[in-house]
Each structure stands twice: as C-alpha cells, then as structure tokens.
Amino acid sequence: MIPWWAGLIIAIVSAVIGGIIGFIITRKVIQKQLKDNPPINENQIRAMYRSMGRKPSEADIKKTMNAVKRGK
C-alpha cells in the first residue's frame, strides 16, 4: 500500500497530464474543422451583398474576406 501523499501526487500529476493531452487533442480537432469548413466564404459574402440590394465588385468581396481573416 502506498502512502497517502504519494497517491495525492500521482492524482495531481495524472490530472495535469490529462488536461494537457485533452487540450492538444481538442485544439487539433477544432483547427481541422475550421480548415475543412471555413466560417464564411466568398459565395456567402456575395449573397450577403445581394440581399442588401447591391451588386458586389470583386474588390468588395476581397476587402470583406480580408477583414474576416484579420478578425480571427
């Protein structure tokens, strides 16, 4: 039987290691999902401009896409 303080140290170390591993795995999964499914694309921006009653120029679309990318 191990002393109580050794069990406590093992539990704390295990919790820290589990938290680190969980953080890394979650971060990788979220980055992959954002890469595969970007939050907004050029077609959605065109539809947004059309719904406002404007015909978007390519410069408007690029400017909006750059603003979205900078906001991340």
Protein backbone atom coordinates (compact mmCIF):
# COMPACT_ATOMS: atom_id res chain seq x y z
CA MET A 1 0.00 0.00 0.00
CA ILE A 2 1.33 3.43 -0.98
CA PRO A 3 1.39 6.38 1.41
CA TRP A 4 -1.47 8.89 1.07
CA TRP A 5 0.82 11.68 -0.12
CA ALA A 6 2.16 9.53 -2.97
CA GLY A 7 -1.40 8.83 -4.11
CA LEU A 8 -2.16 12.54 -3.99
CA ILE A 9 0.91 13.38 -6.07
CA ILE A 10 0.03 10.68 -8.62
CA ALA A 11 -3.53 12.02 -8.88
CA ILE A 12 -2.38 15.61 -9.38
CA VAL A 13 0.24 14.66 -11.99
CA SER A 14 -2.31 12.48 -13.82
CA ALA A 15 -4.85 15.32 -13.86
CA VAL A 16 -2.30 17.79 -15.25
CA ILE A 17 -1.11 15.38 -17.94
CA GLY A 18 -4.72 14.53 -18.88
CA GLY A 19 -5.57 18.22 -19.14
CA ILE A 20 -2.62 18.91 -21.39
CA ILE A 21 -3.38 15.95 -23.66
CA GLY A 22 -7.07 16.91 -23.80
CA PHE A 23 -6.20 20.50 -24.70
CA ILE A 24 -3.86 19.40 -27.51
CA ILE A 25 -6.36 16.94 -29.00
CA THR A 26 -9.24 19.43 -28.81
CA ARG A 27 -7.12 22.15 -30.43
CA LYS A 28 -6.13 19.86 -33.33
CA VAL A 29 -9.75 18.78 -33.93
CA ILE A 30 -11.06 22.36 -33.92
CA GLN A 31 -8.29 23.55 -36.27
CA LYS A 32 -9.09 20.69 -38.67
CA GLN A 33 -12.81 21.52 -38.60
CA LEU A 34 -12.15 25.21 -39.27
CA LYS A 35 -9.85 24.31 -42.16
CA ASP A 36 -12.41 21.91 -43.69
CA ASN A 37 -15.43 24.18 -43.00
CA PRO A 38 -14.39 27.83 -43.01
CA PRO A 39 -16.81 30.09 -41.16
CA ILE A 40 -17.55 32.25 -44.23
CA ASN A 41 -16.62 32.06 -47.90
CA GLU A 42 -16.83 34.30 -50.95
CA ASN A 43 -20.18 32.92 -52.11
CA GLN A 44 -21.74 33.75 -48.75
CA ILE A 45 -20.36 37.29 -48.97
CA ARG A 46 -21.83 37.68 -52.47
CA ALA A 47 -25.21 36.50 -51.17
CA MET A 48 -24.96 38.99 -48.28
CA TYR A 49 -24.31 41.89 -50.67
CA ARG A 50 -27.16 40.75 -52.95
CA SER A 51 -29.55 40.58 -50.00
CA MET A 52 -28.67 44.20 -49.22
CA GLY A 53 -29.57 45.13 -52.79
CA ARG A 54 -26.01 45.69 -54.05
CA LYS A 55 -24.08 44.06 -56.84
CA PRO A 56 -20.70 43.34 -55.23
CA SER A 57 -17.49 44.05 -57.08
CA GLU A 58 -14.54 41.70 -56.72
CA ALA A 59 -12.74 44.38 -54.70
CA ASP A 60 -15.65 44.50 -52.21
CA ILE A 61 -15.51 40.73 -51.80
CA LYS A 62 -11.73 40.64 -51.32
CA LYS A 63 -11.90 43.53 -48.84
CA THR A 64 -14.59 41.76 -46.82
CA MET A 65 -12.70 38.43 -46.87
CA ASN A 66 -9.52 40.15 -45.64
CA ALA A 67 -11.48 41.83 -42.85
CA VAL A 68 -12.91 38.48 -41.78
CA LYS A 69 -9.45 36.86 -41.81
CA ARG A 70 -7.95 39.71 -39.77
CA GLY A 71 -10.73 39.37 -37.22
CA LYS A 72 -9.73 35.80 -36.32
